[in-house]
């Protein structure tokens, strides 16, 4: 069965369409109107090996918060839909990603119980026009809506761009491991029989 999903969501603040293929080649077509965020989503696709198409029209005249959070919500739901009953997946993923002086680790569990534990301090409030605090909002929305328990922690770093980029890349690499299929696992990887 192909592990794909296509979702749309329209509110008074954003209009979003996302298509995802978990077994892709890491190709991305992203247009949110927030340049740095598009750059990070492209890294997410590339390093998770998921093909992702994202289009978002949001109330950027207010700020980027609704756009970033709502894309996270829809992307998380798309991941959950594409994973289906989760039979055969590895479930857990871990990655440590260095980027120059920055080092960020991510550990995650596709448990069905979405939660984010985010320990990533930044010395700057903005990267260009991107509010740095929105990175946490994005990961929280993805984790909650995908049913992923995610821990993201900065071990080193001073450059905000490097730290945030390493966060996206480490999340992507951990996700790639967790969603990959193990031919020895025929059912759901849980003694409960459900995730």
C-alpha atoms as a PDB file:
ATOM      1  CA  UNK A   1       0.000   0.000   0.000  1.00  0.00           C
ATOM      2  CA  UNK A   2       1.393   3.423  -0.884  1.00  0.00           C
ATOM      3  CA  UNK A   3       1.947   5.604   2.166  1.00  0.00           C
ATOM      4  CA  UNK A   4       0.608   8.879   0.856  1.00  0.00           C
ATOM      5  CA  UNK A   5      -1.813  11.537   2.030  1.00  0.00           C
ATOM      6  CA  UNK A   6      -3.335  14.727   0.669  1.00  0.00           C
ATOM      7  CA  UNK A   7      -5.066  17.161   3.014  1.00  0.00           C
ATOM      8  CA  UNK A   8      -6.574  20.614   2.812  1.00  0.00           C
ATOM      9  CA  UNK A   9      -7.531  23.000   5.598  1.00  0.00           C
ATOM     10  CA  UNK A  10      -9.139  26.405   5.312  1.00  0.00           C
ATOM     11  CA  UNK A  11      -9.721  28.846   8.156  1.00  0.00           C
ATOM     12  CA  UNK A  12     -10.127  32.607   8.361  1.00  0.00           C
ATOM     13  CA  UNK A  13      -6.363  32.815   8.908  1.00  0.00           C
ATOM     14  CA  UNK A  14      -4.866  30.290   6.487  1.00  0.00           C
ATOM     15  CA  UNK A  15      -5.644  28.136   3.485  1.00  0.00           C
ATOM     16  CA  UNK A  16      -3.362  25.119   3.228  1.00  0.00           C
ATOM     17  CA  UNK A  17      -2.922  22.162   0.899  1.00  0.00           C
ATOM     18  CA  UNK A  18      -0.376  19.430   1.659  1.00  0.00           C
ATOM     19  CA  UNK A  19       0.514  16.229  -0.185  1.00  0.00           C
ATOM     20  CA  UNK A  20       3.035  13.786   1.255  1.00  0.00           C
ATOM     21  CA  UNK A  21       4.629  10.523   0.162  1.00  0.00           C
ATOM     22  CA  UNK A  22       6.515   8.829   2.992  1.00  0.00           C
ATOM     23  CA  UNK A  23       8.434   6.633   0.560  1.00  0.00           C
ATOM     24  CA  UNK A  24       9.658   9.368  -1.726  1.00  0.00           C
ATOM     25  CA  UNK A  25      13.068  10.749  -2.613  1.00  0.00           C
ATOM     26  CA  UNK A  26      13.088  13.886  -0.487  1.00  0.00           C
ATOM     27  CA  UNK A  27      11.658  16.213  -3.097  1.00  0.00           C
ATOM     28  CA  UNK A  28       9.910  19.392  -1.966  1.00  0.00           C
ATOM     29  CA  UNK A  29       7.621  21.949  -3.535  1.00  0.00           C
ATOM     30  CA  UNK A  30       6.965  24.533  -0.830  1.00  0.00           C
ATOM     31  CA  UNK A  31       5.287  27.917  -0.923  1.00  0.00           C
ATOM     32  CA  UNK A  32       4.175  29.478   2.358  1.00  0.00           C
ATOM     33  CA  UNK A  33       5.194  33.101   1.804  1.00  0.00           C
ATOM     34  CA  UNK A  34       7.741  32.827   4.637  1.00  0.00           C
ATOM     35  CA  UNK A  35      11.155  32.415   3.029  1.00  0.00           C
ATOM     36  CA  UNK A  36      13.138  30.986   5.931  1.00  0.00           C
ATOM     37  CA  UNK A  37      10.303  28.593   6.797  1.00  0.00           C
ATOM     38  CA  UNK A  38      10.180  27.367   3.178  1.00  0.00           C
ATOM     39  CA  UNK A  39      13.935  26.754   3.427  1.00  0.00           C
ATOM     40  CA  UNK A  40      13.456  24.679   6.601  1.00  0.00           C
ATOM     41  CA  UNK A  41      10.564  22.661   5.126  1.00  0.00           C
ATOM     42  CA  UNK A  42      12.733  21.860   2.128  1.00  0.00           C
ATOM     43  CA  UNK A  43      15.368  20.481   4.528  1.00  0.00           C
ATOM     44  CA  UNK A  44      12.659  18.470   6.298  1.00  0.00           C
ATOM     45  CA  UNK A  45      11.678  16.799   3.025  1.00  0.00           C
ATOM     46  CA  UNK A  46      15.246  16.265   1.819  1.00  0.00           C
ATOM     47  CA  UNK A  47      16.536  14.617   4.980  1.00  0.00           C
ATOM     48  CA  UNK A  48      13.425  12.555   5.793  1.00  0.00           C
ATOM     49  CA  UNK A  49      13.233  11.288   2.182  1.00  0.00           C
ATOM     50  CA  UNK A  50       9.551  12.208   2.171  1.00  0.00           C
ATOM     51  CA  UNK A  51       8.209  13.949  -0.931  1.00  0.00           C
ATOM     52  CA  UNK A  52       6.269  16.971   0.314  1.00  0.00           C
ATOM     53  CA  UNK A  53       4.138  19.520  -1.499  1.00  0.00           C
ATOM     54  CA  UNK A  54       2.954  22.446   0.612  1.00  0.00           C
ATOM     55  CA  UNK A  55       1.028  25.513  -0.443  1.00  0.00           C
ATOM     56  CA  UNK A  56      -0.200  28.006   2.115  1.00  0.00           C
ATOM     57  CA  UNK A  57      -1.880  31.355   1.823  1.00  0.00           C
ATOM     58  CA  UNK A  58      -1.935  32.997   5.234  1.00  0.00           C
ATOM     59  CA  UNK A  59      -2.509  36.286   7.012  1.00  0.00           C
ATOM     60  CA  UNK A  60       1.115  37.369   6.784  1.00  0.00           C
ATOM     61  CA  UNK A  61       0.036  40.996   7.137  1.00  0.00           C
ATOM     62  CA  UNK A  62      -0.486  40.079  10.819  1.00  0.00           C
ATOM     63  CA  UNK A  63       2.644  37.927  11.228  1.00  0.00           C
ATOM     64  CA  UNK A  64       3.827  34.419  10.348  1.00  0.00           C
ATOM     65  CA  UNK A  65       2.494  32.664  13.454  1.00  0.00           C
ATOM     66  CA  UNK A  66      -0.749  31.318  11.962  1.00  0.00           C
ATOM     67  CA  UNK A  67       1.021  30.201   8.788  1.00  0.00           C
ATOM     68  CA  UNK A  68       3.775  28.300  10.584  1.00  0.00           C
ATOM     69  CA  UNK A  69       1.548  26.692  13.219  1.00  0.00           C
ATOM     70  CA  UNK A  70      -1.216  25.750  10.785  1.00  0.00           C
ATOM     71  CA  UNK A  71       1.229  24.195   8.322  1.00  0.00           C
ATOM     72  CA  UNK A  72       2.495  22.124  11.269  1.00  0.00           C
ATOM     73  CA  UNK A  73      -1.046  21.044  12.117  1.00  0.00           C
ATOM     74  CA  UNK A  74      -1.856  19.908   8.582  1.00  0.00           C
ATOM     75  CA  UNK A  75       1.559  18.313   8.039  1.00  0.00           C
ATOM     76  CA  UNK A  76       1.194  16.358  11.287  1.00  0.00           C
ATOM     77  CA  UNK A  77      -2.241  15.115  10.235  1.00  0.00           C
ATOM     78  CA  UNK A  78      -0.861  14.153   6.819  1.00  0.00           C
ATOM     79  CA  UNK A  79       1.927  12.125   8.456  1.00  0.00           C
ATOM     80  CA  UNK A  80      -0.636  10.345  10.647  1.00  0.00           C
ATOM     81  CA  UNK A  81      -2.900   9.579   7.691  1.00  0.00           C
ATOM     82  CA  UNK A  82      -0.050   8.331   5.507  1.00  0.00           C
ATOM     83  CA  UNK A  83       1.237   6.058   8.302  1.00  0.00           C
ATOM     84  CA  UNK A  84      -2.142   4.341   8.582  1.00  0.00           C
ATOM     85  CA  UNK A  85      -2.145   1.644  11.285  1.00  0.00           C
ATOM     86  CA  UNK A  86       1.690   1.921  11.541  1.00  0.00           C
ATOM     87  CA  UNK A  87       2.201  -1.795  10.938  1.00  0.00           C
ATOM     88  CA  UNK A  88       5.809  -2.630  10.091  1.00  0.00           C
ATOM     89  CA  UNK A  89       7.391   0.705  11.002  1.00  0.00           C
ATOM     90  CA  UNK A  90      10.508   0.955  13.165  1.00  0.00           C
ATOM     91  CA  UNK A  91       8.607   3.421  15.401  1.00  0.00           C
ATOM     92  CA  UNK A  92      11.649   4.987  17.104  1.00  0.00           C
ATOM     93  CA  UNK A  93      14.131   7.372  15.572  1.00  0.00           C
ATOM     94  CA  UNK A  94      17.226   9.217  16.717  1.00  0.00           C
ATOM     95  CA  UNK A  95      19.572  11.663  15.025  1.00  0.00           C
ATOM     96  CA  UNK A  96      22.380  13.960  16.085  1.00  0.00           C
ATOM     97  CA  UNK A  97      23.062  16.644  13.477  1.00  0.00           C
ATOM     98  CA  UNK A  98      25.996  19.047  13.565  1.00  0.00           C
ATOM     99  CA  UNK A  99      25.978  22.256  11.554  1.00  0.00           C
ATOM    100  CA  UNK A 100      29.219  24.157  12.026  1.00  0.00           C
ATOM    101  CA  UNK A 101      29.315  25.047  15.752  1.00  0.00           C
ATOM    102  CA  UNK A 102      25.735  23.865  16.361  1.00  0.00           C
ATOM    103  CA  UNK A 103      24.753  20.363  17.447  1.00  0.00           C
ATOM    104  CA  UNK A 104      21.126  19.306  17.877  1.00  0.00           C
ATOM    105  CA  UNK A 105      19.739  15.878  18.755  1.00  0.00           C
ATOM    106  CA  UNK A 106      16.249  14.556  18.198  1.00  0.00           C
ATOM    107  CA  UNK A 107      14.731  11.389  19.614  1.00  0.00           C
ATOM    108  CA  UNK A 108      11.198  10.446  18.713  1.00  0.00           C
ATOM    109  CA  UNK A 109       8.600   7.755  19.152  1.00  0.00           C
ATOM    110  CA  UNK A 110       5.613   7.390  16.845  1.00  0.00           C
ATOM    111  CA  UNK A 111       3.546   6.292  19.813  1.00  0.00           C
ATOM    112  CA  UNK A 112       0.162   7.827  19.035  1.00  0.00           C
ATOM    113  CA  UNK A 113       0.682  10.107  22.031  1.00  0.00           C
ATOM    114  CA  UNK A 114       1.769  13.425  20.604  1.00  0.00           C
ATOM    115  CA  UNK A 115       4.050  15.584  22.743  1.00  0.00           C
ATOM    116  CA  UNK A 116       7.032  17.867  22.273  1.00  0.00           C
ATOM    117  CA  UNK A 117       9.923  18.430  24.657  1.00  0.00           C
ATOM    118  CA  UNK A 118      11.941  21.278  23.176  1.00  0.00           C
ATOM    119  CA  UNK A 119      15.176  22.471  24.752  1.00  0.00           C
ATOM    120  CA  UNK A 120      16.635  24.776  22.099  1.00  0.00           C
ATOM    121  CA  UNK A 121      17.810  28.147  23.382  1.00  0.00           C
ATOM    122  CA  UNK A 122      18.619  30.912  20.930  1.00  0.00           C
ATOM    123  CA  UNK A 123      20.383  34.216  21.494  1.00  0.00           C
ATOM    124  CA  UNK A 124      18.395  35.967  18.740  1.00  0.00           C
ATOM    125  CA  UNK A 125      14.667  36.515  18.438  1.00  0.00           C
ATOM    126  CA  UNK A 126      14.619  36.618  14.631  1.00  0.00           C
ATOM    127  CA  UNK A 127      16.363  35.044  11.672  1.00  0.00           C
ATOM    128  CA  UNK A 128      15.720  37.588   8.964  1.00  0.00           C
ATOM    129  CA  UNK A 129      11.988  38.202   9.381  1.00  0.00           C
ATOM    130  CA  UNK A 130      11.329  34.763  10.917  1.00  0.00           C
ATOM    131  CA  UNK A 131      10.445  34.744  14.623  1.00  0.00           C
ATOM    132  CA  UNK A 132      12.669  32.058  16.153  1.00  0.00           C
ATOM    133  CA  UNK A 133       9.983  31.001  18.644  1.00  0.00           C
ATOM    134  CA  UNK A 134       7.887  29.791  15.713  1.00  0.00           C
ATOM    135  CA  UNK A 135      10.196  26.805  15.234  1.00  0.00           C
ATOM    136  CA  UNK A 136       8.946  25.383  18.520  1.00  0.00           C
ATOM    137  CA  UNK A 137       5.329  26.125  17.545  1.00  0.00           C
ATOM    138  CA  UNK A 138       5.817  24.219  14.287  1.00  0.00           C
ATOM    139  CA  UNK A 139       7.340  21.147  15.928  1.00  0.00           C
ATOM    140  CA  UNK A 140       4.644  21.164  18.617  1.00  0.00           C
ATOM    141  CA  UNK A 141       1.888  21.247  15.987  1.00  0.00           C
ATOM    142  CA  UNK A 142       3.474  18.437  13.955  1.00  0.00           C
ATOM    143  CA  UNK A 143       4.120  16.213  16.979  1.00  0.00           C
ATOM    144  CA  UNK A 144       0.672  16.715  18.493  1.00  0.00           C
ATOM    145  CA  UNK A 145      -1.205  16.083  15.253  1.00  0.00           C
ATOM    146  CA  UNK A 146       0.961  13.181  14.063  1.00  0.00           C
ATOM    147  CA  UNK A 147       0.929  11.406  17.430  1.00  0.00           C
ATOM    148  CA  UNK A 148       4.702  11.676  17.809  1.00  0.00           C
ATOM    149  CA  UNK A 149       6.528  11.998  21.113  1.00  0.00           C
ATOM    150  CA  UNK A 150       9.499  14.167  20.129  1.00  0.00           C
ATOM    151  CA  UNK A 151      12.482  15.396  22.123  1.00  0.00           C
ATOM    152  CA  UNK A 152      14.613  18.056  20.440  1.00  0.00           C
ATOM    153  CA  UNK A 153      17.646  19.334  22.328  1.00  0.00           C
ATOM    154  CA  UNK A 154      20.479  21.693  21.486  1.00  0.00           C
ATOM    155  CA  UNK A 155      23.815  20.425  22.766  1.00  0.00           C
ATOM    156  CA  UNK A 156      25.930  23.247  21.320  1.00  0.00           C
ATOM    157  CA  UNK A 157      25.654  26.318  19.165  1.00  0.00           C
ATOM    158  CA  UNK A 158      25.593  30.094  19.035  1.00  0.00           C
ATOM    159  CA  UNK A 159      24.375  30.957  15.523  1.00  0.00           C
ATOM    160  CA  UNK A 160      20.569  30.944  15.448  1.00  0.00           C
ATOM    161  CA  UNK A 161      20.347  29.993  11.772  1.00  0.00           C
ATOM    162  CA  UNK A 162      22.644  27.007  12.298  1.00  0.00           C
ATOM    163  CA  UNK A 163      20.766  25.884  15.416  1.00  0.00           C
ATOM    164  CA  UNK A 164      17.295  26.042  13.874  1.00  0.00           C
ATOM    165  CA  UNK A 165      18.471  24.377  10.677  1.00  0.00           C
ATOM    166  CA  UNK A 166      20.138  21.590  12.666  1.00  0.00           C
ATOM    167  CA  UNK A 167      16.842  21.174  14.551  1.00  0.00           C
ATOM    168  CA  UNK A 168      14.878  20.650  11.343  1.00  0.00           C
ATOM    169  CA  UNK A 169      17.522  18.322   9.920  1.00  0.00           C
ATOM    170  CA  UNK A 170      17.796  16.218  13.074  1.00  0.00           C
ATOM    171  CA  UNK A 171      14.003  15.949  13.296  1.00  0.00           C
ATOM    172  CA  UNK A 172      13.921  14.886   9.639  1.00  0.00           C
ATOM    173  CA  UNK A 173      16.639  12.251  10.060  1.00  0.00           C
ATOM    174  CA  UNK A 174      14.987  10.828  13.180  1.00  0.00           C
ATOM    175  CA  UNK A 175      11.632  10.779  11.372  1.00  0.00           C
ATOM    176  CA  UNK A 176      13.209   8.980   8.418  1.00  0.00           C
ATOM    177  CA  UNK A 177      14.382   6.214  10.746  1.00  0.00           C
ATOM    178  CA  UNK A 178      11.105   5.957  12.676  1.00  0.00           C
ATOM    179  CA  UNK A 179       8.811   5.747   9.624  1.00  0.00           C
ATOM    180  CA  UNK A 180      11.048   3.294   7.771  1.00  0.00           C
ATOM    181  CA  UNK A 181       9.710  -0.210   7.462  1.00  0.00           C
ATOM    182  CA  UNK A 182      11.376  -3.298   8.887  1.00  0.00           C
ATOM    183  CA  UNK A 183      10.559  -6.424   6.886  1.00  0.00           C
ATOM    184  CA  UNK A 184      10.832  -8.506  10.065  1.00  0.00           C
ATOM    185  CA  UNK A 185       7.987  -6.557  11.681  1.00  0.00           C
ATOM    186  CA  UNK A 186       4.652  -7.638  10.256  1.00  0.00           C
ATOM    187  CA  UNK A 187       2.328  -5.978  12.726  1.00  0.00           C
ATOM    188  CA  UNK A 188       2.239  -2.865  14.899  1.00  0.00           C
ATOM    189  CA  UNK A 189       5.468  -2.455  16.923  1.00  0.00           C
ATOM    190  CA  UNK A 190       3.771  -2.446  20.311  1.00  0.00           C
ATOM    191  CA  UNK A 191       2.886  -5.157  22.817  1.00  0.00           C
ATOM    192  CA  UNK A 192      -0.528  -3.455  23.081  1.00  0.00           C
ATOM    193  CA  UNK A 193      -1.177  -4.225  19.429  1.00  0.00           C
ATOM    194  CA  UNK A 194      -2.041  -0.633  18.589  1.00  0.00           C
ATOM    195  CA  UNK A 195      -0.266   2.719  18.389  1.00  0.00           C
END
